[in-house]
Structures are given as structure tokens and as C-alpha cells.
Amino acid sequence: MARLSRSVGLPPPLPDVLGLALRWRQPAGAPPDGGPAAAELLLASAGQGLLGRHLPRPAFRWSPGFYGSLLPYAAGDRRVFLGAVARRPCVVRADGLSLARALGEGPVPLDLVVATEFGAWERFGELLLTGPARGDDGAPMRFDPVRHPIPGLPPAGTLQQIRGPAYAAAHRAAGPRDRVAF
């Protein structure tokens, strides 16, 4: 499942920090340690450079665009950042109606990418967003990567330690925003 959202809640056509939340089921037999049956990843519109990958970046469109984890994950003895590059050739404005129209024309492809702290982004997979898109107002989808971590890829760094309380507070204070789930 995926959800695209305008994080701050500014109305279109104003730019906003755009979010891409992903949830996927773990393979049969997982998790071996009794962990969650699903994993979640939250990405935000960000820069791609060494400094920009740490900072949210307001954007006007879902695609084309770059979404990054902003905070690192531990991959063995290295820290890595995860990201997604929305590469649809036509512009998809950051509003639910524009996204629904684009999905009606076909999938919105994204390249999944990874980079070390000081390395270049490398493609490791593809994500296809397909419709139908639905509004998130009636039954909001909540994502919490702290409660549903990616197995074998634990959050790394001091800032990652405050994520749990921050997500719990955000879920309590969630108000109406332009969110689209599919």
C-alpha cells in the first residue's frame, strides 16, 4: 500500500513537503523473530545531494520528483539512506484529482534508490503506483515505521530515537490534509 500526502497541509497550488508512505507484507514465514508482519517506510520530498538528502524540500508536484528517508538506516556497519525517484514523464501536480487522473492513464513508476552517507544514489528496484486512488479522509491510513520496521535495516542515529514519540503525537493531532491512498 502507498499513501501520498501534503505533509504540512498547505492547499494547492502552494508548495508543500510531500510524503510517500509505503507498507508491504513480509514474505511467508517472516518475521522469524516475532516482529511485525508488515514493514513501513516513510519518505519525504527532499534534495538528492549530500546535504539535501537530510532536508525536506517543498514541492509542487508528485511526479517527477525525489523522495528520501531524511534519516539513515544501519546496513551492517554502514549507514544508508533510502529514496524513490518518481519518473513519470508528464507532470503530476500535488493534489488528489491530478493524481487520480494520472493513475487513470496508467501506473506512476518510481525507481527505488539507496545511497551511503557520502555516496551516490543507486537504483535497486521499482515501485509502480496503480489505481484506483482513493481519498484518505473517511478511513485514514496511519503509518508508523517505528512499530513496523524494515527487517534487517534498523534505524540509525540519535534523531531516529525520537521518532516513536513524534509519530504517536502526530497521529493524535492529525487534521485534514490532502492524502491519497491506493
C-alpha atoms as a PDB file:
ATOM      1  CA  MET A   1       0.000   0.000   0.000  1.00  0.00           C
ATOM      2  CA  ALA A   2       1.091   3.530  -0.580  1.00  0.00           C
ATOM      3  CA  ARG A   3      -0.088   6.950   0.536  1.00  0.00           C
ATOM      4  CA  LEU A   4       0.895  10.286  -0.922  1.00  0.00           C
ATOM      5  CA  SER A   5       0.288  13.312   1.278  1.00  0.00           C
ATOM      6  CA  ARG A   6       0.879  17.000   1.618  1.00  0.00           C
ATOM      7  CA  SER A   7       2.690  16.908   4.967  1.00  0.00           C
ATOM      8  CA  VAL A   8       2.137  20.438   6.250  1.00  0.00           C
ATOM      9  CA  GLY A   9      -1.364  20.633   4.816  1.00  0.00           C
ATOM     10  CA  LEU A  10      -0.929  23.772   2.728  1.00  0.00           C
ATOM     11  CA  PRO A  11      -3.569  23.973  -0.007  1.00  0.00           C
ATOM     12  CA  PRO A  12      -2.630  23.520  -3.662  1.00  0.00           C
ATOM     13  CA  PRO A  13      -1.221  25.321  -5.586  1.00  0.00           C
ATOM     14  CA  LEU A  14       1.188  26.258  -2.740  1.00  0.00           C
ATOM     15  CA  PRO A  15       4.263  24.046  -2.423  1.00  0.00           C
ATOM     16  CA  ASP A  16       4.357  21.610   0.500  1.00  0.00           C
ATOM     17  CA  VAL A  17       6.639  18.918   1.815  1.00  0.00           C
ATOM     18  CA  LEU A  18       5.235  15.877   0.034  1.00  0.00           C
ATOM     19  CA  GLY A  19       5.182  12.487   1.685  1.00  0.00           C
ATOM     20  CA  LEU A  20       5.315   8.986   0.253  1.00  0.00           C
ATOM     21  CA  ALA A  21       4.443   6.278   2.775  1.00  0.00           C
ATOM     22  CA  LEU A  22       4.844   2.610   1.873  1.00  0.00           C
ATOM     23  CA  ARG A  23       3.631  -0.552   3.606  1.00  0.00           C
ATOM     24  CA  TRP A  24       4.307  -4.096   2.437  1.00  0.00           C
ATOM     25  CA  ARG A  25       3.730  -7.551   3.854  1.00  0.00           C
ATOM     26  CA  GLN A  26       6.704  -9.627   4.845  1.00  0.00           C
ATOM     27  CA  PRO A  27       7.288 -12.901   2.973  1.00  0.00           C
ATOM     28  CA  ALA A  28       5.666 -16.107   4.233  1.00  0.00           C
ATOM     29  CA  GLY A  29       7.392 -17.353   7.350  1.00  0.00           C
ATOM     30  CA  ALA A  30       8.582 -13.858   8.273  1.00  0.00           C
ATOM     31  CA  PRO A  31       9.230 -12.388  10.655  1.00  0.00           C
ATOM     32  CA  PRO A  32      11.475 -15.040  12.203  1.00  0.00           C
ATOM     33  CA  ASP A  33      11.897 -13.148  15.489  1.00  0.00           C
ATOM     34  CA  GLY A  34       8.196 -12.491  16.059  1.00  0.00           C
ATOM     35  CA  GLY A  35       8.461  -8.933  14.711  1.00  0.00           C
ATOM     36  CA  PRO A  36       5.778  -7.187  12.638  1.00  0.00           C
ATOM     37  CA  ALA A  37       4.133  -8.953   9.691  1.00  0.00           C
ATOM     38  CA  ALA A  38       4.385  -5.740   7.649  1.00  0.00           C
ATOM     39  CA  ALA A  39       7.142  -3.187   7.169  1.00  0.00           C
ATOM     40  CA  GLU A  40       6.702   0.530   6.601  1.00  0.00           C
ATOM     41  CA  LEU A  41       8.861   3.254   5.129  1.00  0.00           C
ATOM     42  CA  LEU A  42       8.196   6.995   5.153  1.00  0.00           C
ATOM     43  CA  LEU A  43       9.823   9.234   2.578  1.00  0.00           C
ATOM     44  CA  ALA A  44       9.538  12.996   2.053  1.00  0.00           C
ATOM     45  CA  SER A  45      10.278  15.300  -0.850  1.00  0.00           C
ATOM     46  CA  ALA A  46      13.938  16.151  -0.398  1.00  0.00           C
ATOM     47  CA  GLY A  47      17.109  17.087  -2.175  1.00  0.00           C
ATOM     48  CA  GLN A  48      19.379  14.450  -3.657  1.00  0.00           C
ATOM     49  CA  GLY A  49      22.770  15.953  -2.778  1.00  0.00           C
ATOM     50  CA  LEU A  50      24.862  15.199   0.300  1.00  0.00           C
ATOM     51  CA  LEU A  51      23.239  17.973   2.351  1.00  0.00           C
ATOM     52  CA  GLY A  52      19.837  17.940   0.631  1.00  0.00           C
ATOM     53  CA  ARG A  53      19.176  14.274   1.471  1.00  0.00           C
ATOM     54  CA  HIS A  54      18.878  15.361   5.132  1.00  0.00           C
ATOM     55  CA  LEU A  55      16.383  18.180   4.493  1.00  0.00           C
ATOM     56  CA  PRO A  56      12.721  18.188   3.493  1.00  0.00           C
ATOM     57  CA  ARG A  57      12.081  20.177   0.325  1.00  0.00           C
ATOM     58  CA  PRO A  58       8.704  21.724  -0.540  1.00  0.00           C
ATOM     59  CA  ALA A  59       7.425  20.706  -3.978  1.00  0.00           C
ATOM     60  CA  PHE A  60       4.546  21.490  -6.342  1.00  0.00           C
ATOM     61  CA  ARG A  61       4.148  18.041  -7.916  1.00  0.00           C
ATOM     62  CA  TRP A  62       4.130  14.332  -7.050  1.00  0.00           C
ATOM     63  CA  SER A  63       5.972  13.450 -10.235  1.00  0.00           C
ATOM     64  CA  PRO A  64       8.579  13.868 -11.442  1.00  0.00           C
ATOM     65  CA  GLY A  65      10.258  14.249  -8.065  1.00  0.00           C
ATOM     66  CA  PHE A  66      12.573  12.789  -5.442  1.00  0.00           C
ATOM     67  CA  TYR A  67      11.568  11.371  -2.051  1.00  0.00           C
ATOM     68  CA  GLY A  68      14.130  10.473   0.622  1.00  0.00           C
ATOM     69  CA  SER A  69      14.232   8.945   4.089  1.00  0.00           C
ATOM     70  CA  LEU A  70      15.984  12.047   5.534  1.00  0.00           C
ATOM     71  CA  LEU A  71      17.397   9.866   8.341  1.00  0.00           C
ATOM     72  CA  PRO A  72      19.756   6.910   7.924  1.00  0.00           C
ATOM     73  CA  TYR A  73      19.330   3.185   8.446  1.00  0.00           C
ATOM     74  CA  ALA A  74      22.025   0.718   9.550  1.00  0.00           C
ATOM     75  CA  ALA A  75      23.077  -1.742   6.855  1.00  0.00           C
ATOM     76  CA  GLY A  76      25.760  -3.813   8.550  1.00  0.00           C
ATOM     77  CA  ASP A  77      28.488  -1.392   9.563  1.00  0.00           C
ATOM     78  CA  ARG A  78      27.338   1.332   7.141  1.00  0.00           C
ATOM     79  CA  ARG A  79      24.592   3.923   7.230  1.00  0.00           C
ATOM     80  CA  VAL A  80      22.331   4.182   4.213  1.00  0.00           C
ATOM     81  CA  PHE A  81      19.551   6.456   3.035  1.00  0.00           C
ATOM     82  CA  LEU A  82      16.563   5.160   1.102  1.00  0.00           C
ATOM     83  CA  GLY A  83      14.705   7.024  -1.592  1.00  0.00           C
ATOM     84  CA  ALA A  84      12.316   6.920  -4.516  1.00  0.00           C
ATOM     85  CA  VAL A  85      12.507   8.819  -7.789  1.00  0.00           C
ATOM     86  CA  ALA A  86       9.115   9.475  -9.373  1.00  0.00           C
ATOM     87  CA  ARG A  87       9.973   9.412 -13.051  1.00  0.00           C
ATOM     88  CA  ARG A  88       6.668   9.800 -14.867  1.00  0.00           C
ATOM     89  CA  PRO A  89       7.409  11.835 -17.986  1.00  0.00           C
ATOM     90  CA  CYS A  90       4.386  14.100 -17.541  1.00  0.00           C
ATOM     91  CA  VAL A  91       3.904  16.397 -14.575  1.00  0.00           C
ATOM     92  CA  VAL A  92       1.515  15.202 -11.864  1.00  0.00           C
ATOM     93  CA  ARG A  93       0.566  18.172  -9.666  1.00  0.00           C
ATOM     94  CA  ALA A  94       0.453  17.582  -5.905  1.00  0.00           C
ATOM     95  CA  ASP A  95      -3.299  17.250  -5.469  1.00  0.00           C
ATOM     96  CA  GLY A  96      -5.602  14.245  -5.292  1.00  0.00           C
ATOM     97  CA  LEU A  97      -7.511  14.995  -8.501  1.00  0.00           C
ATOM     98  CA  SER A  98      -4.350  15.278 -10.607  1.00  0.00           C
ATOM     99  CA  LEU A  99      -3.014  12.025  -9.174  1.00  0.00           C
ATOM    100  CA  ALA A 100      -6.300  10.187  -9.784  1.00  0.00           C
ATOM    101  CA  ARG A 101      -6.254  11.412 -13.403  1.00  0.00           C
ATOM    102  CA  ALA A 102      -2.644  10.305 -13.875  1.00  0.00           C
ATOM    103  CA  LEU A 103      -3.364   6.865 -12.404  1.00  0.00           C
ATOM    104  CA  GLY A 104      -6.326   6.552 -14.758  1.00  0.00           C
ATOM    105  CA  GLU A 105      -3.828   6.863 -17.617  1.00  0.00           C
ATOM    106  CA  GLY A 106      -1.564   4.129 -16.209  1.00  0.00           C
ATOM    107  CA  PRO A 107       0.832   3.341 -13.378  1.00  0.00           C
ATOM    108  CA  VAL A 108       3.094   6.023 -11.911  1.00  0.00           C
ATOM    109  CA  PRO A 109       6.588   4.449 -11.870  1.00  0.00           C
ATOM    110  CA  LEU A 110       9.199   5.150  -9.220  1.00  0.00           C
ATOM    111  CA  ASP A 111      12.782   3.919  -9.023  1.00  0.00           C
ATOM    112  CA  LEU A 112      13.761   2.758  -5.537  1.00  0.00           C
ATOM    113  CA  VAL A 113      17.236   4.012  -4.669  1.00  0.00           C
ATOM    114  CA  VAL A 114      19.798   3.691  -1.877  1.00  0.00           C
ATOM    115  CA  ALA A 115      22.907   5.716  -1.002  1.00  0.00           C
ATOM    116  CA  THR A 116      25.553   5.578   1.675  1.00  0.00           C
ATOM    117  CA  GLU A 117      26.078   8.717   3.751  1.00  0.00           C
ATOM    118  CA  PHE A 118      28.518  10.190   1.230  1.00  0.00           C
ATOM    119  CA  GLY A 119      27.791   8.045  -1.810  1.00  0.00           C
ATOM    120  CA  ALA A 120      25.783   8.395  -4.984  1.00  0.00           C
ATOM    121  CA  TRP A 121      22.230   7.103  -5.308  1.00  0.00           C
ATOM    122  CA  GLU A 122      21.945   3.626  -6.832  1.00  0.00           C
ATOM    123  CA  ARG A 123      18.780   2.016  -8.165  1.00  0.00           C
ATOM    124  CA  PHE A 124      17.796  -1.265  -6.502  1.00  0.00           C
ATOM    125  CA  GLY A 125      14.183  -1.723  -7.541  1.00  0.00           C
ATOM    126  CA  GLU A 126      10.994  -0.318  -8.987  1.00  0.00           C
ATOM    127  CA  LEU A 127       7.657   0.618  -7.478  1.00  0.00           C
ATOM    128  CA  LEU A 128       4.545   1.038  -9.610  1.00  0.00           C
ATOM    129  CA  LEU A 129       1.739   3.096  -8.094  1.00  0.00           C
ATOM    130  CA  THR A 130      -1.536   1.876  -9.559  1.00  0.00           C
ATOM    131  CA  GLY A 131      -5.107   2.980  -9.105  1.00  0.00           C
ATOM    132  CA  PRO A 132      -7.691   3.434  -8.264  1.00  0.00           C
ATOM    133  CA  ALA A 133      -6.703   6.222  -5.933  1.00  0.00           C
ATOM    134  CA  ARG A 134      -8.990   6.894  -3.003  1.00  0.00           C
ATOM    135  CA  GLY A 135      -9.214   9.798  -0.609  1.00  0.00           C
ATOM    136  CA  ASP A 136      -7.822   9.174   2.853  1.00  0.00           C
ATOM    137  CA  ASP A 137     -10.431  11.221   4.726  1.00  0.00           C
ATOM    138  CA  GLY A 138     -13.020   8.512   5.501  1.00  0.00           C
ATOM    139  CA  ALA A 139     -10.621   5.882   6.841  1.00  0.00           C
ATOM    140  CA  PRO A 140      -7.174   7.439   7.262  1.00  0.00           C
ATOM    141  CA  MET A 141      -4.202   5.140   6.829  1.00  0.00           C
ATOM    142  CA  ARG A 142      -1.693   5.591   9.608  1.00  0.00           C
ATOM    143  CA  PHE A 143       1.936   4.621   9.081  1.00  0.00           C
ATOM    144  CA  ASP A 144       4.455   4.052  11.863  1.00  0.00           C
ATOM    145  CA  PRO A 145       7.897   2.814  10.773  1.00  0.00           C
ATOM    146  CA  VAL A 146       8.965   2.590  14.429  1.00  0.00           C
ATOM    147  CA  ARG A 147       6.314  -0.044  15.192  1.00  0.00           C
ATOM    148  CA  HIS A 148       6.712  -1.674  11.750  1.00  0.00           C
ATOM    149  CA  PRO A 149      10.444  -1.506  10.947  1.00  0.00           C
ATOM    150  CA  ILE A 150      12.138  -2.944   7.873  1.00  0.00           C
ATOM    151  CA  PRO A 151      13.649  -6.276   8.994  1.00  0.00           C
ATOM    152  CA  GLY A 152      17.432  -6.236   8.888  1.00  0.00           C
ATOM    153  CA  LEU A 153      17.546  -2.472   8.329  1.00  0.00           C
ATOM    154  CA  PRO A 154      17.221  -0.793  11.733  1.00  0.00           C
ATOM    155  CA  PRO A 155      17.019   2.992  12.095  1.00  0.00           C
ATOM    156  CA  ALA A 156      20.423   4.541  12.878  1.00  0.00           C
ATOM    157  CA  GLY A 157      21.453   7.716  14.659  1.00  0.00           C
ATOM    158  CA  THR A 158      20.314   9.866  17.541  1.00  0.00           C
ATOM    159  CA  LEU A 159      17.417  11.561  15.738  1.00  0.00           C
ATOM    160  CA  GLN A 160      15.884   8.173  14.940  1.00  0.00           C
ATOM    161  CA  GLN A 161      15.382   7.656  18.695  1.00  0.00           C
ATOM    162  CA  ILE A 162      12.709  10.384  18.893  1.00  0.00           C
ATOM    163  CA  ARG A 163      10.648   9.015  16.003  1.00  0.00           C
ATOM    164  CA  GLY A 164       8.339   6.842  18.143  1.00  0.00           C
ATOM    165  CA  PRO A 165       7.035   9.664  20.366  1.00  0.00           C
ATOM    166  CA  ALA A 166       6.911  12.030  17.376  1.00  0.00           C
ATOM    167  CA  TYR A 167       4.711   9.653  15.319  1.00  0.00           C
ATOM    168  CA  ALA A 168       2.418   8.986  18.271  1.00  0.00           C
ATOM    169  CA  ALA A 169       1.931  12.750  18.751  1.00  0.00           C
ATOM    170  CA  ALA A 170       1.381  13.314  15.025  1.00  0.00           C
ATOM    171  CA  HIS A 171      -1.315  10.622  14.895  1.00  0.00           C
ATOM    172  CA  ARG A 172      -3.162  12.236  17.823  1.00  0.00           C
ATOM    173  CA  ALA A 173      -3.006  15.692  16.210  1.00  0.00           C
ATOM    174  CA  ALA A 174      -3.699  14.648  12.619  1.00  0.00           C
ATOM    175  CA  GLY A 175      -6.062  17.021  10.875  1.00  0.00           C
ATOM    176  CA  PRO A 176      -7.471  17.194   7.358  1.00  0.00           C
ATOM    177  CA  ARG A 177      -4.805  17.090   4.660  1.00  0.00           C
ATOM    178  CA  ASP A 178      -4.725  16.189   1.009  1.00  0.00           C
ATOM    179  CA  ARG A 179      -3.859  12.487   1.236  1.00  0.00           C
ATOM    180  CA  VAL A 180      -4.343   9.894  -1.426  1.00  0.00           C
ATOM    181  CA  ALA A 181      -4.056   6.166  -0.775  1.00  0.00           C
ATOM    182  CA  PHE A 182      -4.014   3.234  -3.159  1.00  0.00           C
END
